[in-house]
Full PDB file with SEQRES, HELIX, SHEET, SSBOND, CRYST1, ORIGX, SCALE, CONECT and MASTER records, all heavy atoms in Angstrom:
SEQRES   1 A   44  GLU GLU ARG GLY GLU PRO ASP PRO ALA VAL GLU ALA LEU          
SEQRES   2 A   44  GLY ARG VAL LEU ALA GLU ALA PRO THR HIS GLU VAL ALA          
SEQRES   3 A   44  HIS ARG ALA LEU MET ARG LEU HIS ALA ALA ARG GLY ASP          
SEQRES   4 A   44  ARG GLY GLN ALA LEU                                          
HELIX    1 AA1 PRO A    6  GLU A   19  1                                  14    
HELIX    2 AA2 GLU A   24  ALA A   36  1                                  13    
HELIX    3 AA3 ARG A   40  ALA A   43  1                                   4    
CRYST1    1.000    1.000    1.000  90.00  90.00  90.00 P 1           1          
ORIGX1      1.000000  0.000000  0.000000        0.00000                         
ORIGX2      0.000000  1.000000  0.000000        0.00000                         
ORIGX3      0.000000  0.000000  1.000000        0.00000                         
SCALE1      1.000000  0.000000  0.000000        0.00000                         
SCALE2      0.000000  1.000000  0.000000        0.00000                         
SCALE3      0.000000  0.000000  1.000000        0.00000                         
ATOM      1  N   GLU A   1     -53.017 -78.261-166.678  1.00  0.00           N  
ATOM      2  CA  GLU A   1     -51.620 -78.221-167.122  1.00  0.00           C  
ATOM      3  C   GLU A   1     -51.337 -76.935-167.897  1.00  0.00           C  
ATOM      4  O   GLU A   1     -50.308 -76.281-167.674  1.00  0.00           O  
ATOM      5  CB  GLU A   1     -51.316 -79.444-167.989  1.00  0.00           C  
ATOM      6  CG  GLU A   1     -49.871 -79.537-168.409  1.00  0.00           C  
ATOM      7  CD  GLU A   1     -49.549 -80.773-169.214  1.00  0.00           C  
ATOM      8  OE1 GLU A   1     -50.469 -81.568-169.519  1.00  0.00           O  
ATOM      9  OE2 GLU A   1     -48.371 -80.946-169.548  1.00  0.00           O  
ATOM     10  N   GLU A   2     -52.250 -76.540-168.777  1.00  0.00           N  
ATOM     11  CA  GLU A   2     -52.080 -75.311-169.548  1.00  0.00           C  
ATOM     12  C   GLU A   2     -52.020 -74.080-168.648  1.00  0.00           C  
ATOM     13  O   GLU A   2     -51.326 -73.114-168.953  1.00  0.00           O  
ATOM     14  CB  GLU A   2     -53.233 -75.138-170.537  1.00  0.00           C  
ATOM     15  CG  GLU A   2     -53.187 -76.080-171.702  1.00  0.00           C  
ATOM     16  CD  GLU A   2     -54.422 -75.965-172.584  1.00  0.00           C  
ATOM     17  OE1 GLU A   2     -55.169 -74.960-172.462  1.00  0.00           O  
ATOM     18  OE2 GLU A   2     -54.653 -76.880-173.387  1.00  0.00           O  
ATOM     19  N   ARG A   3     -52.730 -74.124-167.538  1.00  0.00           N  
ATOM     20  CA  ARG A   3     -52.761 -72.993-166.603  1.00  0.00           C  
ATOM     21  C   ARG A   3     -51.586 -73.012-165.629  1.00  0.00           C  
ATOM     22  O   ARG A   3     -51.493 -72.161-164.757  1.00  0.00           O  
ATOM     23  CB  ARG A   3     -54.053 -73.018-165.804  1.00  0.00           C  
ATOM     24  CG  ARG A   3     -55.272 -72.823-166.632  1.00  0.00           C  
ATOM     25  CD  ARG A   3     -56.494 -73.082-165.827  1.00  0.00           C  
ATOM     26  NE  ARG A   3     -57.330 -71.892-165.844  1.00  0.00           N  
ATOM     27  CZ  ARG A   3     -58.416 -71.743-165.132  1.00  0.00           C  
ATOM     28  NH1 ARG A   3     -58.805 -72.695-164.304  1.00  0.00           N  
ATOM     29  NH2 ARG A   3     -59.129 -70.656-165.229  1.00  0.00           N  
ATOM     30  N   GLY A   4     -50.735 -74.011-165.749  1.00  0.00           N  
ATOM     31  CA  GLY A   4     -49.600 -74.109-164.837  1.00  0.00           C  
ATOM     32  C   GLY A   4     -49.982 -74.618-163.466  1.00  0.00           C  
ATOM     33  O   GLY A   4     -49.359 -74.251-162.469  1.00  0.00           O  
ATOM     34  N   GLU A   5     -51.011 -75.469-163.408  1.00  0.00           N  
ATOM     35  CA  GLU A   5     -51.509 -76.038-162.157  1.00  0.00           C  
ATOM     36  C   GLU A   5     -51.301 -77.554-162.175  1.00  0.00           C  
ATOM     37  O   GLU A   5     -52.233 -78.316-162.418  1.00  0.00           O  
ATOM     38  CB  GLU A   5     -52.999 -75.712-162.000  1.00  0.00           C  
ATOM     39  CG  GLU A   5     -53.296 -74.228-162.035  1.00  0.00           C  
ATOM     40  CD  GLU A   5     -54.775 -73.916-162.193  1.00  0.00           C  
ATOM     41  OE1 GLU A   5     -55.555 -74.805-162.598  1.00  0.00           O  
ATOM     42  OE2 GLU A   5     -55.145 -72.763-161.904  1.00  0.00           O  
ATOM     43  N   PRO A   6     -50.077 -77.995-161.923  1.00  0.00           N  
ATOM     44  CA  PRO A   6     -49.802 -79.423-162.065  1.00  0.00           C  
ATOM     45  C   PRO A   6     -50.477 -80.308-161.013  1.00  0.00           C  
ATOM     46  O   PRO A   6     -50.853 -81.446-161.323  1.00  0.00           O  
ATOM     47  CB  PRO A   6     -48.277 -79.515-161.957  1.00  0.00           C  
ATOM     48  CG  PRO A   6     -47.884 -78.292-161.199  1.00  0.00           C  
ATOM     49  CD  PRO A   6     -48.884 -77.233-161.558  1.00  0.00           C  
ATOM     50  N   ASP A   7     -50.648 -79.819-159.788  1.00  0.00           N  
ATOM     51  CA  ASP A   7     -51.224 -80.683-158.749  1.00  0.00           C  
ATOM     52  C   ASP A   7     -52.639 -81.143-159.076  1.00  0.00           C  
ATOM     53  O   ASP A   7     -52.925 -82.345-159.010  1.00  0.00           O  
ATOM     54  CB  ASP A   7     -51.168 -80.003-157.383  1.00  0.00           C  
ATOM     55  CG  ASP A   7     -49.746 -79.844-156.874  1.00  0.00           C  
ATOM     56  OD1 ASP A   7     -48.864 -80.606-157.319  1.00  0.00           O  
ATOM     57  OD2 ASP A   7     -49.511 -78.958-156.040  1.00  0.00           O  
ATOM     58  N   PRO A   8     -53.561 -80.235-159.452  1.00  0.00           N  
ATOM     59  CA  PRO A   8     -54.896 -80.731-159.811  1.00  0.00           C  
ATOM     60  C   PRO A   8     -54.883 -81.586-161.080  1.00  0.00           C  
ATOM     61  O   PRO A   8     -55.707 -82.491-161.231  1.00  0.00           O  
ATOM     62  CB  PRO A   8     -55.735 -79.468-160.010  1.00  0.00           C  
ATOM     63  CG  PRO A   8     -54.879 -78.312-159.727  1.00  0.00           C  
ATOM     64  CD  PRO A   8     -53.503 -78.793-159.406  1.00  0.00           C  
ATOM     65  N   ALA A   9     -53.937 -81.322-161.977  1.00  0.00           N  
ATOM     66  CA  ALA A   9     -53.826 -82.145-163.184  1.00  0.00           C  
ATOM     67  C   ALA A   9     -53.436 -83.567-162.812  1.00  0.00           C  
ATOM     68  O   ALA A   9     -54.025 -84.537-163.297  1.00  0.00           O  
ATOM     69  CB  ALA A   9     -52.807 -81.539-164.148  1.00  0.00           C  
ATOM     70  N   VAL A  10     -52.457 -83.703-161.926  1.00  0.00           N  
ATOM     71  CA  VAL A  10     -52.016 -85.027-161.480  1.00  0.00           C  
ATOM     72  C   VAL A  10     -53.158 -85.745-160.767  1.00  0.00           C  
ATOM     73  O   VAL A  10     -53.391 -86.943-160.985  1.00  0.00           O  
ATOM     74  CB  VAL A  10     -50.776 -84.914-160.567  1.00  0.00           C  
ATOM     75  CG1 VAL A  10     -50.463 -86.231-159.882  1.00  0.00           C  
ATOM     76  CG2 VAL A  10     -49.568 -84.435-161.378  1.00  0.00           C  
ATOM     77  N   GLU A  11     -53.900 -85.023-159.949  1.00  0.00           N  
ATOM     78  CA  GLU A  11     -55.021 -85.628-159.229  1.00  0.00           C  
ATOM     79  C   GLU A  11     -56.087 -86.148-160.197  1.00  0.00           C  
ATOM     80  O   GLU A  11     -56.574 -87.276-160.049  1.00  0.00           O  
ATOM     81  CB  GLU A  11     -55.648 -84.603-158.285  1.00  0.00           C  
ATOM     82  CG  GLU A  11     -56.798 -85.169-157.485  1.00  0.00           C  
ATOM     83  CD  GLU A  11     -57.415 -84.140-156.554  1.00  0.00           C  
ATOM     84  OE1 GLU A  11     -56.746 -83.171-156.187  1.00  0.00           O  
ATOM     85  OE2 GLU A  11     -58.587 -84.336-156.202  1.00  0.00           O  
ATOM     86  N   ALA A  12     -56.442 -85.353-161.197  1.00  0.00           N  
ATOM     87  CA  ALA A  12     -57.455 -85.771-162.171  1.00  0.00           C  
ATOM     88  C   ALA A  12     -56.987 -86.999-162.941  1.00  0.00           C  
ATOM     89  O   ALA A  12     -57.756 -87.949-163.152  1.00  0.00           O  
ATOM     90  CB  ALA A  12     -57.773 -84.626-163.124  1.00  0.00           C  
ATOM     91  N   LEU A  13     -55.737 -87.004-163.346  1.00  0.00           N  
ATOM     92  CA  LEU A  13     -55.218 -88.147-164.102  1.00  0.00           C  
ATOM     93  C   LEU A  13     -55.139 -89.398-163.231  1.00  0.00           C  
ATOM     94  O   LEU A  13     -55.376 -90.511-163.710  1.00  0.00           O  
ATOM     95  CB  LEU A  13     -53.852 -87.802-164.696  1.00  0.00           C  
ATOM     96  CG  LEU A  13     -53.905 -86.723-165.775  1.00  0.00           C  
ATOM     97  CD1 LEU A  13     -52.502 -86.219-166.083  1.00  0.00           C  
ATOM     98  CD2 LEU A  13     -54.601 -87.226-167.023  1.00  0.00           C  
ATOM     99  N   GLY A  14     -54.834 -89.220-161.962  1.00  0.00           N  
ATOM    100  CA  GLY A  14     -54.837 -90.349-161.040  1.00  0.00           C  
ATOM    101  C   GLY A  14     -56.219 -90.974-160.929  1.00  0.00           C  
ATOM    102  O   GLY A  14     -56.357 -92.203-160.858  1.00  0.00           O  
ATOM    103  N   ARG A  15     -57.249 -90.132-160.946  1.00  0.00           N  
ATOM    104  CA  ARG A  15     -58.622 -90.641-160.897  1.00  0.00           C  
ATOM    105  C   ARG A  15     -58.958 -91.416-162.159  1.00  0.00           C  
ATOM    106  O   ARG A  15     -59.627 -92.447-162.112  1.00  0.00           O  
ATOM    107  CB  ARG A  15     -59.596 -89.489-160.687  1.00  0.00           C  
ATOM    108  CG  ARG A  15     -59.496 -88.908-159.278  1.00  0.00           C  
ATOM    109  CD  ARG A  15     -60.332 -87.683-159.074  1.00  0.00           C  
ATOM    110  NE  ARG A  15     -61.743 -87.910-159.384  1.00  0.00           N  
ATOM    111  CZ  ARG A  15     -62.609 -86.941-159.588  1.00  0.00           C  
ATOM    112  NH1 ARG A  15     -62.235 -85.680-159.512  1.00  0.00           N  
ATOM    113  NH2 ARG A  15     -63.876 -87.221-159.859  1.00  0.00           N  
ATOM    114  N   VAL A  16     -58.479 -90.927-163.299  1.00  0.00           N  
ATOM    115  CA  VAL A  16     -58.701 -91.642-164.556  1.00  0.00           C  
ATOM    116  C   VAL A  16     -58.082 -93.030-164.474  1.00  0.00           C  
ATOM    117  O   VAL A  16     -58.717 -94.043-164.793  1.00  0.00           O  
ATOM    118  CB  VAL A  16     -58.109 -90.874-165.764  1.00  0.00           C  
ATOM    119  CG1 VAL A  16     -58.128 -91.729-167.018  1.00  0.00           C  
ATOM    120  CG2 VAL A  16     -58.846 -89.569-165.986  1.00  0.00           C  
ATOM    121  N   LEU A  17     -56.837 -93.088-164.012  1.00  0.00           N  
ATOM    122  CA  LEU A  17     -56.128 -94.363-163.981  1.00  0.00           C  
ATOM    123  C   LEU A  17     -56.667 -95.311-162.919  1.00  0.00           C  
ATOM    124  O   LEU A  17     -56.542 -96.529-163.051  1.00  0.00           O  
ATOM    125  CB  LEU A  17     -54.628 -94.129-163.806  1.00  0.00           C  
ATOM    126  CG  LEU A  17     -53.981 -93.469-165.020  1.00  0.00           C  
ATOM    127  CD1 LEU A  17     -52.529 -93.134-164.737  1.00  0.00           C  
ATOM    128  CD2 LEU A  17     -54.111 -94.337-166.256  1.00  0.00           C  
ATOM    129  N   ALA A  18     -57.302 -94.778-161.886  1.00  0.00           N  
ATOM    130  CA  ALA A  18     -57.938 -95.638-160.888  1.00  0.00           C  
ATOM    131  C   ALA A  18     -59.102 -96.407-161.517  1.00  0.00           C  
ATOM    132  O   ALA A  18     -59.364 -97.551-161.154  1.00  0.00           O  
ATOM    133  CB  ALA A  18     -58.426 -94.806-159.710  1.00  0.00           C  
ATOM    134  N   GLU A  19     -59.760 -95.782-162.468  1.00  0.00           N  
ATOM    135  CA  GLU A  19     -60.898 -96.419-163.143  1.00  0.00           C  
ATOM    136  C   GLU A  19     -60.481 -97.171-164.401  1.00  0.00           C  
ATOM    137  O   GLU A  19     -61.127 -98.143-164.781  1.00  0.00           O  
ATOM    138  CB  GLU A  19     -61.939 -95.359-163.523  1.00  0.00           C  
ATOM    139  CG  GLU A  19     -62.600 -94.711-162.333  1.00  0.00           C  
ATOM    140  CD  GLU A  19     -63.442 -95.688-161.535  1.00  0.00           C  
ATOM    141  OE1 GLU A  19     -64.109 -96.549-162.142  1.00  0.00           O  
ATOM    142  OE2 GLU A  19     -63.414 -95.595-160.298  1.00  0.00           O  
ATOM    143  N   ALA A  20     -59.449 -96.693-165.062  1.00  0.00           N  
ATOM    144  CA  ALA A  20     -59.022 -97.280-166.334  1.00  0.00           C  
ATOM    145  C   ALA A  20     -57.500 -97.372-166.366  1.00  0.00           C  
ATOM    146  O   ALA A  20     -56.826 -96.513-166.947  1.00  0.00           O  
ATOM    147  CB  ALA A  20     -59.536 -96.442-167.498  1.00  0.00           C  
ATOM    148  N   PRO A  21     -56.929 -98.399-165.722  1.00  0.00           N  
ATOM    149  CA  PRO A  21     -55.470 -98.477-165.592  1.00  0.00           C  
ATOM    150  C   PRO A  21     -54.702 -98.603-166.905  1.00  0.00           C  
ATOM    151  O   PRO A  21     -53.492 -98.421-166.921  1.00  0.00           O  
ATOM    152  CB  PRO A  21     -55.245 -99.710-164.713  1.00  0.00           C  
ATOM    153  CG  PRO A  21     -56.540-100.395-164.589  1.00  0.00           C  
ATOM    154  CD  PRO A  21     -57.611 -99.482-165.048  1.00  0.00           C  
ATOM    155  N   THR A  22     -55.390 -98.870-167.997  1.00  0.00           N  
ATOM    156  CA  THR A  22     -54.697 -98.982-169.286  1.00  0.00           C  
ATOM    157  C   THR A  22     -54.852 -97.728-170.140  1.00  0.00           C  
ATOM    158  O   THR A  22     -54.479 -97.740-171.312  1.00  0.00           O  
ATOM    159  CB  THR A  22     -55.227-100.194-170.080  1.00  0.00           C  
ATOM    160  OG1 THR A  22     -56.629-100.020-170.312  1.00  0.00           O  
ATOM    161  CG2 THR A  22     -54.980-101.490-169.342  1.00  0.00           C  
ATOM    162  N   HIS A  23     -55.363 -96.645-169.573  1.00  0.00           N  
ATOM    163  CA  HIS A  23     -55.604 -95.409-170.320  1.00  0.00           C  
ATOM    164  C   HIS A  23     -54.263 -94.769-170.666  1.00  0.00           C  
ATOM    165  O   HIS A  23     -53.672 -94.032-169.872  1.00  0.00           O  
ATOM    166  CB  HIS A  23     -56.469 -94.465-169.488  1.00  0.00           C  
ATOM    167  CG  HIS A  23     -57.113 -93.385-170.280  1.00  0.00           C  
ATOM    168  ND1 HIS A  23     -56.409 -92.351-170.853  1.00  0.00           N  
ATOM    169  CD2 HIS A  23     -58.415 -93.185-170.594  1.00  0.00           C  
ATOM    170  CE1 HIS A  23     -57.240 -91.554-171.471  1.00  0.00           C  
ATOM    171  NE2 HIS A  23     -58.479 -92.046-171.331  1.00  0.00           N  
ATOM    172  N   GLU A  24     -53.795 -95.037-171.870  1.00  0.00           N  
ATOM    173  CA  GLU A  24     -52.451 -94.623-172.267  1.00  0.00           C  
ATOM    174  C   GLU A  24     -52.288 -93.101-172.285  1.00  0.00           C  
ATOM    175  O   GLU A  24     -51.232 -92.580-171.900  1.00  0.00           O  
ATOM    176  CB  GLU A  24     -52.107 -95.194-173.642  1.00  0.00           C  
ATOM    177  CG  GLU A  24     -50.674 -94.938-174.046  1.00  0.00           C  
ATOM    178  CD  GLU A  24     -50.283 -95.599-175.341  1.00  0.00           C  
ATOM    179  OE1 GLU A  24     -50.959 -96.547-175.781  1.00  0.00           O  
ATOM    180  OE2 GLU A  24     -49.277 -95.168-175.913  1.00  0.00           O  
ATOM    181  N   VAL A  25     -53.305 -92.378-172.712  1.00  0.00           N  
ATOM    182  CA  VAL A  25     -53.214 -90.913-172.761  1.00  0.00           C  
ATOM    183  C   VAL A  25     -52.976 -90.349-171.361  1.00  0.00           C  
ATOM    184  O   VAL A  25     -52.159 -89.444-171.177  1.00  0.00           O  
ATOM    185  CB  VAL A  25     -54.487 -90.309-173.405  1.00  0.00           C  
ATOM    186  CG1 VAL A  25     -54.493 -88.802-173.281  1.00  0.00           C  
ATOM    187  CG2 VAL A  25     -54.589 -90.728-174.861  1.00  0.00           C  
ATOM    188  N   ALA A  26     -53.672 -90.893-170.371  1.00  0.00           N  
ATOM    189  CA  ALA A  26     -53.486 -90.436-168.989  1.00  0.00           C  
ATOM    190  C   ALA A  26     -52.076 -90.752-168.496  1.00  0.00           C  
ATOM    191  O   ALA A  26     -51.448 -89.919-167.836  1.00  0.00           O  
ATOM    192  CB  ALA A  26     -54.536 -91.062-168.078  1.00  0.00           C  
ATOM    193  N   HIS A  27     -51.581 -91.934-168.810  1.00  0.00           N  
ATOM    194  CA  HIS A  27     -50.212 -92.295-168.420  1.00  0.00           C  
ATOM    195  C   HIS A  27     -49.205 -91.330-169.047  1.00  0.00           C  
ATOM    196  O   HIS A  27     -48.309 -90.843-168.364  1.00  0.00           O  
ATOM    197  CB  HIS A  27     -49.888 -93.727-168.856  1.00  0.00           C  
ATOM    198  CG  HIS A  27     -50.409 -94.785-167.958  1.00  0.00           C  
ATOM    199  ND1 HIS A  27     -49.851 -95.072-166.733  1.00  0.00           N  
ATOM    200  CD2 HIS A  27     -51.447 -95.645-168.110  1.00  0.00           C  
ATOM    201  CE1 HIS A  27     -50.510 -96.068-166.168  1.00  0.00           C  
ATOM    202  NE2 HIS A  27     -51.491 -96.422-166.981  1.00  0.00           N  
ATOM    203  N   ARG A  28     -49.374 -91.071-170.342  1.00  0.00           N  
ATOM    204  CA  ARG A  28     -48.430 -90.170-171.024  1.00  0.00           C  
ATOM    205  C   ARG A  28     -48.474 -88.771-170.432  1.00  0.00           C  
ATOM    206  O   ARG A  28     -47.438 -88.125-170.256  1.00  0.00           O  
ATOM    207  CB  ARG A  28     -48.734 -90.131-172.519  1.00  0.00           C  
ATOM    208  CG  ARG A  28     -48.319 -91.382-173.254  1.00  0.00           C  
ATOM    209  CD  ARG A  28     -48.347 -91.199-174.763  1.00  0.00           C  
ATOM    210  NE  ARG A  28     -49.431 -90.341-175.221  1.00  0.00           N  
ATOM    211  CZ  ARG A  28     -50.391 -90.721-176.069  1.00  0.00           C  
ATOM    212  NH1 ARG A  28     -50.404 -91.939-176.546  1.00  0.00           N  
ATOM    213  NH2 ARG A  28     -51.318 -89.874-176.445  1.00  0.00           N  
ATOM    214  N   ALA A  29     -49.683 -88.301-170.121  1.00  0.00           N  
ATOM    215  CA  ALA A  29     -49.817 -86.964-169.536  1.00  0.00           C  
ATOM    216  C   ALA A  29     -49.128 -86.891-168.178  1.00  0.00           C  
ATOM    217  O   ALA A  29     -48.459 -85.908-167.860  1.00  0.00           O  
ATOM    218  CB  ALA A  29     -51.292 -86.588-169.420  1.00  0.00           C  
ATOM    219  N   LEU A  30     -49.291 -87.954-167.375  1.00  0.00           N  
ATOM    220  CA  LEU A  30     -48.616 -87.972-166.073  1.00  0.00           C  
ATOM    221  C   LEU A  30     -47.100 -88.001-166.235  1.00  0.00           C  
ATOM    222  O   LEU A  30     -46.381 -87.313-165.506  1.00  0.00           O  
ATOM    223  CB  LEU A  30     -49.075 -89.179-165.254  1.00  0.00           C  
ATOM    224  CG  LEU A  30     -50.323 -88.964-164.426  1.00  0.00           C  
ATOM    225  CD1 LEU A  30     -50.772 -90.281-163.789  1.00  0.00           C  
ATOM    226  CD2 LEU A  30     -50.105 -87.920-163.363  1.00  0.00           C  
ATOM    227  N   MET A  31     -46.617 -88.778-167.186  1.00  0.00           N  
ATOM    228  CA  MET A  31     -45.176 -88.805-167.437  1.00  0.00           C  
ATOM    229  C   MET A  31     -44.686 -87.405-167.802  1.00  0.00           C  
ATOM    230  O   MET A  31     -43.654 -86.950-167.299  1.00  0.00           O  
ATOM    231  CB  MET A  31     -44.845 -89.782-168.560  1.00  0.00           C  
ATOM    232  CG  MET A  31     -44.912 -91.228-168.152  1.00  0.00           C  
ATOM    233  SD  MET A  31     -44.393 -92.325-169.485  1.00  0.00           S  
ATOM    234  CE  MET A  31     -45.970 -92.783-170.164  1.00  0.00           C  
ATOM    235  N   ARG A  32     -45.428 -86.722-168.660  1.00  0.00           N  
ATOM    236  CA  ARG A  32     -45.055 -85.375-169.084  1.00  0.00           C  
ATOM    237  C   ARG A  32     -45.049 -84.403-167.906  1.00  0.00           C  
ATOM    238  O   ARG A  32     -44.128 -83.601-167.747  1.00  0.00           O  
ATOM    239  CB  ARG A  32     -46.017 -84.911-170.176  1.00  0.00           C  
ATOM    240  CG  ARG A  32     -45.679 -83.564-170.765  1.00  0.00           C  
ATOM    241  CD  ARG A  32     -46.623 -83.141-171.887  1.00  0.00           C  
ATOM    242  NE  ARG A  32     -48.022 -83.155-171.457  1.00  0.00           N  
ATOM    243  CZ  ARG A  32     -48.939 -84.027-171.891  1.00  0.00           C  
ATOM    244  NH1 ARG A  32     -48.604 -84.968-172.761  1.00  0.00           N  
ATOM    245  NH2 ARG A  32     -50.188 -83.970-171.457  1.00  0.00           N  
ATOM    246  N   LEU A  33     -46.081 -84.473-167.063  1.00  0.00           N  
ATOM    247  CA  LEU A  33     -46.153 -83.596-165.901  1.00  0.00           C  
ATOM    248  C   LEU A  33     -44.990 -83.834-164.940  1.00  0.00           C  
ATOM    249  O   LEU A  33     -44.378 -82.888-164.446  1.00  0.00           O  
ATOM    250  CB  LEU A  33     -47.478 -83.798-165.162  1.00  0.00           C  
ATOM    251  CG  LEU A  33     -48.696 -83.152-165.802  1.00  0.00           C  
ATOM    252  CD1 LEU A  33     -49.970 -83.740-165.211  1.00  0.00           C  
ATOM    253  CD2 LEU A  33     -48.656 -81.650-165.614  1.00  0.00           C  
ATOM    254  N   HIS A  34     -44.695 -85.094-164.673  1.00  0.00           N  
ATOM    255  CA  HIS A  34     -43.586 -85.400-163.765  1.00  0.00           C  
ATOM    256  C   HIS A  34     -42.256 -84.912-164.344  1.00  0.00           C  
ATOM    257  O   HIS A  34     -41.439 -84.336-163.630  1.00  0.00           O  
ATOM    258  CB  HIS A  34     -43.519 -86.899-163.483  1.00  0.00           C  
ATOM    259  CG  HIS A  34     -44.664 -87.426-162.685  1.00  0.00           C  
ATOM    260  ND1 HIS A  34     -45.111 -86.836-161.526  1.00  0.00           N  
ATOM    261  CD2 HIS A  34     -45.474 -88.494-162.887  1.00  0.00           C  
ATOM    262  CE1 HIS A  34     -46.128 -87.510-161.034  1.00  0.00           C  
ATOM    263  NE2 HIS A  34     -46.375 -88.519-161.852  1.00  0.00           N  
ATOM    264  N   ALA A  35     -42.071 -85.129-165.638  1.00  0.00           N  
ATOM    265  CA  ALA A  35     -40.828 -84.685-166.273  1.00  0.00           C  
ATOM    266  C   ALA A  35     -40.719 -83.159-166.243  1.00  0.00           C  
ATOM    267  O   ALA A  35     -39.638 -82.619-165.988  1.00  0.00           O  
ATOM    268  CB  ALA A  35     -40.757 -85.203-167.704  1.00  0.00           C  
ATOM    269  N   ALA A  36     -41.826 -82.470-166.474  1.00  0.00           N  
ATOM    270  CA  ALA A  36     -41.814 -81.000-166.461  1.00  0.00           C  
ATOM    271  C   ALA A  36     -41.473 -80.452-165.079  1.00  0.00           C  
ATOM    272  O   ALA A  36     -40.870 -79.389-164.962  1.00  0.00           O  
ATOM    273  CB  ALA A  36     -43.171 -80.460-166.912  1.00  0.00           C  
ATOM    274  N   ARG A  37     -41.836 -81.201-164.055  1.00  0.00           N  
ATOM    275  CA  ARG A  37     -41.504 -80.805-162.683  1.00  0.00           C  
ATOM    276  C   ARG A  37     -40.055 -81.135-162.337  1.00  0.00           C  
ATOM    277  O   ARG A  37     -39.575 -80.820-161.257  1.00  0.00           O  
ATOM    278  CB  ARG A  37     -42.391 -81.540-161.688  1.00  0.00           C  
ATOM    279  CG  ARG A  37     -43.820 -81.138-161.704  1.00  0.00           C  
ATOM    280  CD  ARG A  37     -44.585 -82.093-160.843  1.00  0.00           C  
ATOM    281  NE  ARG A  37     -45.652 -81.442-160.119  1.00  0.00           N  
ATOM    282  CZ  ARG A  37     -46.484 -82.075-159.330  1.00  0.00           C  
ATOM    283  NH1 ARG A  37     -46.372 -83.372-159.129  1.00  0.00           N  
ATOM    284  NH2 ARG A  37     -47.448 -81.421-158.719  1.00  0.00           N  
ATOM    285  N   GLY A  38     -39.379 -81.846-163.236  1.00  0.00           N  
ATOM    286  CA  GLY A  38     -38.000 -82.245-162.982  1.00  0.00           C  
ATOM    287  C   GLY A  38     -37.892 -83.553-162.224  1.00  0.00           C  
ATOM    288  O   GLY A  38     -36.809 -83.919-161.775  1.00  0.00           O  
ATOM    289  N   ASP A  39     -38.999 -84.269-162.096  1.00  0.00           N  
ATOM    290  CA  ASP A  39     -39.005 -85.536-161.364  1.00  0.00           C  
ATOM    291  C   ASP A  39     -38.940 -86.693-162.354  1.00  0.00           C  
ATOM    292  O   ASP A  39     -39.925 -87.369-162.634  1.00  0.00           O  
ATOM    293  CB  ASP A  39     -40.255 -85.633-160.494  1.00  0.00           C  
ATOM    294  CG  ASP A  39     -40.170 -86.758-159.480  1.00  0.00           C  
ATOM    295  OD1 ASP A  39     -39.262 -87.612-159.611  1.00  0.00           O  
ATOM    296  OD2 ASP A  39     -40.995 -86.780-158.560  1.00  0.00           O  
ATOM    297  N   ARG A  40     -37.750 -86.894-162.880  1.00  0.00           N  
ATOM    298  CA  ARG A  40     -37.559 -87.932-163.895  1.00  0.00           C  
ATOM    299  C   ARG A  40     -37.815 -89.324-163.340  1.00  0.00           C  
ATOM    300  O   ARG A  40     -38.303 -90.190-164.042  1.00  0.00           O  
ATOM    301  CB  ARG A  40     -36.161 -87.816-164.479  1.00  0.00           C  
ATOM    302  CG  ARG A  40     -36.016 -86.521-165.266  1.00  0.00           C  
ATOM    303  CD  ARG A  40     -34.613 -86.182-165.668  1.00  0.00           C  
ATOM    304  NE  ARG A  40     -33.854 -87.286-166.210  1.00  0.00           N  
ATOM    305  CZ  ARG A  40     -32.571 -87.244-166.491  1.00  0.00           C  
ATOM    306  NH1 ARG A  40     -31.914 -86.123-166.296  1.00  0.00           N  
ATOM    307  NH2 ARG A  40     -31.940 -88.285-166.972  1.00  0.00           N  
ATOM    308  N   GLY A  41     -37.487 -89.529-162.068  1.00  0.00           N  
ATOM    309  CA  GLY A  41     -37.725 -90.831-161.449  1.00  0.00           C  
ATOM    310  C   GLY A  41     -39.202 -91.180-161.415  1.00  0.00           C  
ATOM    311  O   GLY A  41     -39.597 -92.317-161.693  1.00  0.00           O  
ATOM    312  N   GLN A  42     -40.027 -90.197-161.079  1.00  0.00           N  
ATOM    313  CA  GLN A  42     -41.473 -90.433-161.045  1.00  0.00           C  
ATOM    314  C   GLN A  42     -42.010 -90.648-162.461  1.00  0.00           C  
ATOM    315  O   GLN A  42     -42.911 -91.459-162.673  1.00  0.00           O  
ATOM    316  CB  GLN A  42     -42.191 -89.262-160.365  1.00  0.00           C  
ATOM    317  CG  GLN A  42     -43.637 -89.523-160.092  1.00  0.00           C  
ATOM    318  CD  GLN A  42     -43.863 -90.641-159.085  1.00  0.00           C  
ATOM    319  OE1 GLN A  42     -43.028 -90.909-158.235  1.00  0.00           O  
ATOM    320  NE2 GLN A  42     -44.989 -91.298-159.203  1.00  0.00           N  
ATOM    321  N   ALA A  43     -41.467 -89.918-163.421  1.00  0.00           N  
ATOM    322  CA  ALA A  43     -41.875 -90.116-164.815  1.00  0.00           C  
ATOM    323  C   ALA A  43     -41.544 -91.531-165.266  1.00  0.00           C  
ATOM    324  O   ALA A  43     -42.363 -92.194-165.917  1.00  0.00           O  
ATOM    325  CB  ALA A  43     -41.191 -89.090-165.721  1.00  0.00           C  
ATOM    326  N   LEU A  44     -40.371 -92.010-164.895  1.00  0.00           N  
ATOM    327  CA  LEU A  44     -39.986 -93.376-165.249  1.00  0.00           C  
ATOM    328  C   LEU A  44     -40.864 -94.396-164.538  1.00  0.00           C  
ATOM    329  O   LEU A  44     -41.272 -95.402-165.136  1.00  0.00           O  
ATOM    330  CB  LEU A  44     -38.514 -93.612-164.910  1.00  0.00           C  
ATOM    331  CG  LEU A  44     -37.944 -94.975-165.267  1.00  0.00           C  
ATOM    332  CD1 LEU A  44     -38.112 -95.281-166.749  1.00  0.00           C  
ATOM    333  CD2 LEU A  44     -36.481 -95.045-164.859  1.00  0.00           C  
TER     334      LEU A  44                                                      
MASTER        0    0    0    3    0    0    0    6  333    1    0    4          
END                                                                             
């Protein structure tokens, strides 16, 4: 995310949530990434 590479960031966070669906930090990071891309629907 810091490097401006949202796709690999989303992929890594998806892997986290596949193993730990209650990982709140991963959920928040994904919400932030989606919002930064302008995809408010996906963030919601």
